[in-house]
Structures are given as structure tokens and as C-alpha cells.
C-alpha atoms as a PDB file:
ATOM      1  CA  UNK A   1     -51.560   4.451  41.446  1.00  0.00           C
ATOM      2  CA  UNK A   2     -49.693   1.251  40.938  1.00  0.00           C
ATOM      3  CA  UNK A   3     -50.301  -0.931  37.951  1.00  0.00           C
ATOM      4  CA  UNK A   4     -51.851  -4.062  39.277  1.00  0.00           C
ATOM      5  CA  UNK A   5     -50.351  -7.282  38.077  1.00  0.00           C
ATOM      6  CA  UNK A   6     -52.796  -8.971  35.752  1.00  0.00           C
ATOM      7  CA  UNK A   7     -53.322 -12.658  36.256  1.00  0.00           C
ATOM      8  CA  UNK A   8     -52.810 -14.472  33.032  1.00  0.00           C
ATOM      9  CA  UNK A   9     -55.046 -17.482  33.219  1.00  0.00           C
ATOM     10  CA  UNK A  10     -55.651 -18.129  29.507  1.00  0.00           C
ATOM     11  CA  UNK A  11     -53.389 -20.470  27.577  1.00  0.00           C
ATOM     12  CA  UNK A  12     -52.516 -20.257  23.917  1.00  0.00           C
ATOM     13  CA  UNK A  13     -50.938 -23.378  22.487  1.00  0.00           C
ATOM     14  CA  UNK A  14     -49.010 -22.828  19.302  1.00  0.00           C
ATOM     15  CA  UNK A  15     -47.249 -25.349  17.110  1.00  0.00           C
ATOM     16  CA  UNK A  16     -44.225 -24.298  15.095  1.00  0.00           C
ATOM     17  CA  UNK A  17     -42.010 -26.031  12.597  1.00  0.00           C
ATOM     18  CA  UNK A  18     -38.351 -26.464  13.485  1.00  0.00           C
ATOM     19  CA  UNK A  19     -37.418 -23.619  11.108  1.00  0.00           C
ATOM     20  CA  UNK A  20     -40.063 -21.287  12.580  1.00  0.00           C
ATOM     21  CA  UNK A  21     -38.875 -22.083  16.098  1.00  0.00           C
ATOM     22  CA  UNK A  22     -35.252 -21.317  15.156  1.00  0.00           C
ATOM     23  CA  UNK A  23     -36.321 -17.954  13.719  1.00  0.00           C
ATOM     24  CA  UNK A  24     -38.320 -17.200  16.874  1.00  0.00           C
ATOM     25  CA  UNK A  25     -35.333 -18.130  19.054  1.00  0.00           C
ATOM     26  CA  UNK A  26     -33.028 -15.941  16.933  1.00  0.00           C
ATOM     27  CA  UNK A  27     -35.215 -12.866  17.368  1.00  0.00           C
ATOM     28  CA  UNK A  28     -35.751 -13.639  21.045  1.00  0.00           C
ATOM     29  CA  UNK A  29     -31.978 -13.818  21.588  1.00  0.00           C
ATOM     30  CA  UNK A  30     -31.620 -10.368  19.994  1.00  0.00           C
ATOM     31  CA  UNK A  31     -34.201  -8.882  22.358  1.00  0.00           C
ATOM     32  CA  UNK A  32     -33.942  -7.781  25.974  1.00  0.00           C
ATOM     33  CA  UNK A  33     -37.032  -9.787  26.990  1.00  0.00           C
ATOM     34  CA  UNK A  34     -36.253 -12.031  29.962  1.00  0.00           C
ATOM     35  CA  UNK A  35     -38.582 -14.853  28.862  1.00  0.00           C
ATOM     36  CA  UNK A  36     -39.696 -16.249  25.550  1.00  0.00           C
ATOM     37  CA  UNK A  37     -43.336 -15.892  26.619  1.00  0.00           C
ATOM     38  CA  UNK A  38     -42.834 -12.137  27.217  1.00  0.00           C
ATOM     39  CA  UNK A  39     -41.266 -11.789  23.781  1.00  0.00           C
ATOM     40  CA  UNK A  40     -44.063 -13.745  22.066  1.00  0.00           C
ATOM     41  CA  UNK A  41     -46.767 -11.845  23.962  1.00  0.00           C
ATOM     42  CA  UNK A  42     -45.319  -8.455  22.965  1.00  0.00           C
ATOM     43  CA  UNK A  43     -45.127  -9.510  19.325  1.00  0.00           C
ATOM     44  CA  UNK A  44     -48.642 -10.938  19.259  1.00  0.00           C
ATOM     45  CA  UNK A  45     -50.081  -7.811  20.877  1.00  0.00           C
ATOM     46  CA  UNK A  46     -47.973  -5.542  18.635  1.00  0.00           C
ATOM     47  CA  UNK A  47     -46.171  -3.903  21.537  1.00  0.00           C
ATOM     48  CA  UNK A  48     -42.640  -2.571  21.094  1.00  0.00           C
ATOM     49  CA  UNK A  49     -39.777  -4.977  21.707  1.00  0.00           C
ATOM     50  CA  UNK A  50     -36.419  -3.541  22.780  1.00  0.00           C
ATOM     51  CA  UNK A  51     -33.533  -5.140  20.902  1.00  0.00           C
ATOM     52  CA  UNK A  52     -29.919  -5.462  21.935  1.00  0.00           C
ATOM     53  CA  UNK A  53     -27.600  -3.090  20.130  1.00  0.00           C
ATOM     54  CA  UNK A  54     -23.878  -3.648  19.714  1.00  0.00           C
ATOM     55  CA  UNK A  55     -21.584  -0.822  18.766  1.00  0.00           C
ATOM     56  CA  UNK A  56     -19.039  -2.562  16.546  1.00  0.00           C
ATOM     57  CA  UNK A  57     -16.522   0.279  16.614  1.00  0.00           C
ATOM     58  CA  UNK A  58     -16.651   0.317  20.419  1.00  0.00           C
ATOM     59  CA  UNK A  59     -16.132  -3.458  20.471  1.00  0.00           C
ATOM     60  CA  UNK A  60     -13.095  -3.023  18.199  1.00  0.00           C
ATOM     61  CA  UNK A  61     -11.744  -0.289  20.459  1.00  0.00           C
ATOM     62  CA  UNK A  62     -12.134  -2.435  23.578  1.00  0.00           C
ATOM     63  CA  UNK A  63     -10.421  -5.424  21.980  1.00  0.00           C
ATOM     64  CA  UNK A  64      -7.533  -3.234  20.775  1.00  0.00           C
ATOM     65  CA  UNK A  65      -7.123  -1.582  24.183  1.00  0.00           C
ATOM     66  CA  UNK A  66      -7.133  -5.006  25.833  1.00  0.00           C
ATOM     67  CA  UNK A  67      -4.385  -6.154  23.481  1.00  0.00           C
ATOM     68  CA  UNK A  68      -2.341  -3.039  24.216  1.00  0.00           C
ATOM     69  CA  UNK A  69      -2.773  -3.566  27.955  1.00  0.00           C
ATOM     70  CA  UNK A  70      -1.353  -7.074  27.654  1.00  0.00           C
ATOM     71  CA  UNK A  71       1.658  -5.617  25.835  1.00  0.00           C
ATOM     72  CA  UNK A  72       2.222  -2.816  28.357  1.00  0.00           C
ATOM     73  CA  UNK A  73       1.844  -4.849  31.578  1.00  0.00           C
ATOM     74  CA  UNK A  74       5.091  -6.836  31.149  1.00  0.00           C
ATOM     75  CA  UNK A  75       6.960  -3.668  30.183  1.00  0.00           C
ATOM     76  CA  UNK A  76       5.764  -1.928  33.352  1.00  0.00           C
ATOM     77  CA  UNK A  77       6.744  -4.950  35.444  1.00  0.00           C
ATOM     78  CA  UNK A  78      10.218  -4.989  33.867  1.00  0.00           C
ATOM     79  CA  UNK A  79      10.609  -1.276  34.549  1.00  0.00           C
ATOM     80  CA  UNK A  80       9.662  -1.720  38.227  1.00  0.00           C
ATOM     81  CA  UNK A  81      12.133  -4.593  38.587  1.00  0.00           C
ATOM     82  CA  UNK A  82      14.820  -2.482  36.933  1.00  0.00           C
ATOM     83  CA  UNK A  83      14.284   0.403  39.352  1.00  0.00           C
ATOM     84  CA  UNK A  84      14.457  -2.000  42.314  1.00  0.00           C
ATOM     85  CA  UNK A  85      17.721  -3.355  40.928  1.00  0.00           C
ATOM     86  CA  UNK A  86      19.076   0.210  40.587  1.00  0.00           C
ATOM     87  CA  UNK A  87      18.460   0.849  44.272  1.00  0.00           C
ATOM     88  CA  UNK A  88      20.444  -2.265  45.210  1.00  0.00           C
ATOM     89  CA  UNK A  89      23.520  -1.573  43.018  1.00  0.00           C
ATOM     90  CA  UNK A  90      26.787  -0.918  44.787  1.00  0.00           C
ATOM     91  CA  UNK A  91      29.486  -1.098  42.095  1.00  0.00           C
ATOM     92  CA  UNK A  92      30.080   0.919  38.941  1.00  0.00           C
ATOM     93  CA  UNK A  93      30.168  -2.186  36.689  1.00  0.00           C
ATOM     94  CA  UNK A  94      26.701  -3.209  37.922  1.00  0.00           C
ATOM     95  CA  UNK A  95      25.483   0.296  37.191  1.00  0.00           C
ATOM     96  CA  UNK A  96      26.795   0.156  33.591  1.00  0.00           C
ATOM     97  CA  UNK A  97      24.981  -3.152  32.992  1.00  0.00           C
ATOM     98  CA  UNK A  98      21.808  -1.648  34.448  1.00  0.00           C
ATOM     99  CA  UNK A  99      22.052   1.340  32.093  1.00  0.00           C
ATOM    100  CA  UNK A 100      22.311  -0.970  29.060  1.00  0.00           C
ATOM    101  CA  UNK A 101      19.282  -3.030  30.089  1.00  0.00           C
ATOM    102  CA  UNK A 102      17.391   0.152  30.964  1.00  0.00           C
ATOM    103  CA  UNK A 103      17.951   1.518  27.460  1.00  0.00           C
ATOM    104  CA  UNK A 104      16.501  -1.687  25.974  1.00  0.00           C
ATOM    105  CA  UNK A 105      13.430  -1.495  28.208  1.00  0.00           C
ATOM    106  CA  UNK A 106      13.063   2.218  27.478  1.00  0.00           C
ATOM    107  CA  UNK A 107      13.088   1.539  23.728  1.00  0.00           C
ATOM    108  CA  UNK A 108      10.377  -1.135  24.138  1.00  0.00           C
ATOM    109  CA  UNK A 109       8.301   1.277  26.191  1.00  0.00           C
ATOM    110  CA  UNK A 110       8.578   4.121  23.675  1.00  0.00           C
ATOM    111  CA  UNK A 111       7.814   1.738  20.787  1.00  0.00           C
ATOM    112  CA  UNK A 112       4.676   0.600  22.610  1.00  0.00           C
ATOM    113  CA  UNK A 113       3.650   4.197  23.288  1.00  0.00           C
ATOM    114  CA  UNK A 114       4.054   5.011  19.590  1.00  0.00           C
ATOM    115  CA  UNK A 115       1.949   1.963  18.717  1.00  0.00           C
ATOM    116  CA  UNK A 116      -0.760   3.167  21.117  1.00  0.00           C
ATOM    117  CA  UNK A 117      -0.698   6.645  19.584  1.00  0.00           C
ATOM    118  CA  UNK A 118      -0.985   5.192  16.077  1.00  0.00           C
ATOM    119  CA  UNK A 119      -3.844   2.909  17.115  1.00  0.00           C
ATOM    120  CA  UNK A 120      -5.738   5.766  18.755  1.00  0.00           C
ATOM    121  CA  UNK A 121      -5.198   7.893  15.645  1.00  0.00           C
ATOM    122  CA  UNK A 122      -6.519   5.109  13.368  1.00  0.00           C
ATOM    123  CA  UNK A 123      -9.554   4.513  15.578  1.00  0.00           C
ATOM    124  CA  UNK A 124     -10.287   8.234  15.697  1.00  0.00           C
ATOM    125  CA  UNK A 125     -10.103   8.442  11.886  1.00  0.00           C
ATOM    126  CA  UNK A 126     -12.495   5.485  11.533  1.00  0.00           C
ATOM    127  CA  UNK A 127     -14.835   7.002  14.105  1.00  0.00           C
ATOM    128  CA  UNK A 128     -14.922  10.339  12.308  1.00  0.00           C
ATOM    129  CA  UNK A 129     -15.640   8.691   8.949  1.00  0.00           C
ATOM    130  CA  UNK A 130     -18.731   6.869  10.233  1.00  0.00           C
END
């Protein structure tokens, strides 16, 4: 059987001070209720209210991974451009210059990889401590 939708035809007018309204809005914002009236109704009738939950360590992980992605994207682009340049080289002197620039890009890449490893290690240690 389906739950029939109950018509709500009774009004409850409630006056709040500015401070009380701010508190109500704060708790409403922390809930998953779509409307303030739903939130108030659940509280008045002592029904459970589902609150939003933020995992701070996960938020930190996502922000750190986003930062690392912004560091790695240019390095990957430089590497792709370097490989394209390698395919177009025809003289030995061009090849020597390419090798020097490749070594620089390779060092940046390996430094970034080490930074990622260190970050993952630190996050794992924090995660295990909590």
C-alpha cells in the first residue's frame, strides 16, 4: 500500500526574534531537508532530521590531489610537446638540444612524483592516526 499524501490544511504562525531565526536558519542549512517548513515540522513533531556530514580529511585529500593535478598537467603537456619535437628532428645538434631539455623535464616530473608519494604518505599517516 502506498502512503497517501496528507493534506496539510492547518496553519501555525510563529514569531521569532532575529537571533532565533538565525539559529533556525543555521540548523536548517546543516540539514538535508529541502524546505524550512519540512525542517520545522520534523523538529516540532520530534522526528529525526538527517544532517549533512563533511569528512574533513577527505576534503583535505581532494584539495591536495587537485593541487597536484594542476602541477602535473603542464609537465605532461611539456613531455608530449617534447616527444613531438623528437619525431621532427633531423640533425644531430637538434637532438643534443632535445636531450638537454628532456633531462630538465624529466627531473621536474620525477620531483613531482616524489612530492605526490610524500603527500600520499602523509595523508595515509594522518588517516591511520584518526
